[in-house]
Protein backbone atom coordinates (compact mmCIF):
# COMPACT_ATOMS: atom_id res chain seq x y z
CA UNK A 1 -0.14 16.17 -6.80
CA UNK A 2 -3.61 15.67 -8.17
CA UNK A 3 -6.41 16.58 -5.73
CA UNK A 4 -7.93 13.08 -5.83
CA UNK A 5 -4.56 11.51 -4.96
CA UNK A 6 -4.11 13.93 -2.10
CA UNK A 7 -7.57 13.05 -0.77
CA UNK A 8 -6.77 9.32 -0.86
CA UNK A 9 -3.47 9.91 0.96
CA UNK A 10 -5.17 11.95 3.68
CA UNK A 11 -8.14 9.63 4.08
CA UNK A 12 -8.83 9.05 7.78
CA UNK A 13 -10.06 5.70 9.03
CA UNK A 14 -11.34 4.71 12.43
CA UNK A 15 -9.67 1.41 13.36
CA UNK A 16 -10.06 -0.75 16.44
CA UNK A 17 -7.50 -3.12 17.92
CA UNK A 18 -8.80 -5.96 20.08
CA UNK A 19 -6.69 -8.00 22.51
CA UNK A 20 -7.40 -10.63 25.15
CA UNK A 21 -10.17 -10.16 27.70
CA UNK A 22 -12.13 -8.00 25.22
CA UNK A 23 -9.81 -5.03 25.77
CA UNK A 24 -10.03 -2.68 22.82
CA UNK A 25 -8.54 0.58 21.66
CA UNK A 26 -9.89 2.65 18.81
CA UNK A 27 -8.26 5.57 17.08
CA UNK A 28 -8.12 7.43 13.79
CA UNK A 29 -5.34 6.75 11.32
CA UNK A 30 -4.42 8.11 7.91
CA UNK A 31 -4.39 5.63 5.03
CA UNK A 32 -0.74 6.45 4.30
CA UNK A 33 0.41 5.46 7.82
CA UNK A 34 2.27 2.20 8.32
CA UNK A 35 0.77 -0.75 10.20
CA UNK A 36 3.57 -0.33 12.74
CA UNK A 37 1.89 2.94 13.84
CA UNK A 38 -1.28 1.00 14.71
CA UNK A 39 0.74 -1.52 16.71
CA UNK A 40 2.71 1.18 18.53
CA UNK A 41 -0.45 3.05 19.49
CA UNK A 42 -2.13 -0.14 20.74
CA UNK A 43 0.95 -1.06 22.79
CA UNK A 44 1.01 2.37 24.37
CA UNK A 45 -2.69 2.73 25.10
CA UNK A 46 -3.19 -0.84 26.35
CA UNK A 47 0.12 -0.99 28.28
CA UNK A 48 1.16 -4.29 26.72
CA UNK A 49 4.24 -5.61 24.90
CA UNK A 50 4.36 -6.92 21.34
CA UNK A 51 6.22 -10.06 22.33
CA UNK A 52 4.43 -13.14 21.03
CA UNK A 53 1.62 -11.15 19.43
CA UNK A 54 0.41 -11.17 15.84
CA UNK A 55 -1.71 -8.55 14.09
CA UNK A 56 -4.60 -9.99 12.07
CA UNK A 57 -7.57 -8.66 10.15
CA UNK A 58 -11.15 -9.41 11.21
CA UNK A 59 -11.24 -12.39 8.85
CA UNK A 60 -8.08 -13.85 10.42
CA UNK A 61 -5.67 -12.83 7.65
CA UNK A 62 -2.26 -12.15 9.25
CA UNK A 63 -0.72 -8.73 8.66
CA UNK A 64 2.93 -9.74 8.86
CA UNK A 65 4.66 -6.83 7.10
CA UNK A 66 4.21 -3.90 9.47
CA UNK A 67 6.08 -1.62 7.04
CA UNK A 68 3.08 -1.68 4.68
CA UNK A 69 0.64 1.21 4.81
CA UNK A 70 -2.99 0.99 5.81
CA UNK A 71 -3.93 1.82 2.21
CA UNK A 72 -1.66 -0.89 0.77
CA UNK A 73 -3.37 -3.62 2.77
CA UNK A 74 -6.78 -2.02 2.11
CA UNK A 75 -8.05 -1.78 5.69
CA UNK A 76 -11.53 -0.31 5.79
CA UNK A 77 -13.17 2.22 8.08
CA UNK A 78 -14.34 0.74 11.42
CA UNK A 79 -12.41 -2.50 10.89
CA UNK A 80 -11.46 -4.34 14.08
CA UNK A 81 -7.99 -5.83 14.04
CA UNK A 82 -6.94 -8.63 16.36
CA UNK A 83 -3.62 -8.38 18.20
CA UNK A 84 -3.66 -11.62 20.17
CA UNK A 85 -0.81 -13.66 21.53
CA UNK A 86 0.10 -16.47 19.17
CA UNK A 87 -1.09 -19.88 20.25
CA UNK A 88 1.78 -22.03 21.49
CA UNK A 89 2.99 -24.67 19.11
CA UNK A 90 1.36 -27.82 20.34
CA UNK A 91 2.66 -31.21 19.27
CA UNK A 92 0.70 -33.20 16.74
CA UNK A 93 -2.00 -35.05 18.63
CA UNK A 94 -1.10 -38.40 17.08
CA UNK A 95 2.63 -38.20 17.74
CA UNK A 96 3.81 -40.24 20.69
CA UNK A 97 1.04 -42.78 20.39
CA UNK A 98 1.85 -46.36 19.43
């Protein structure tokens, strides 16, 4: 393996995961680790369950495929991910009105 490819694979990033009530966990991850590793670590450290939660980037972009690596989705150092509960599906405001 070329040295520059090895460096990219081993690149460490500090990532933060934010949930409700401003609870946050931050940890270092390698760019070749899967997004599922981030979720698992957040679940463990924050003592929460994944049920009804969705991982999103700072800009609100959903990260739906947790089998992708950190490098594949191009997360950057010190990025804060959101792992909030999904908002309940609310009926269309105009439905039910005559």
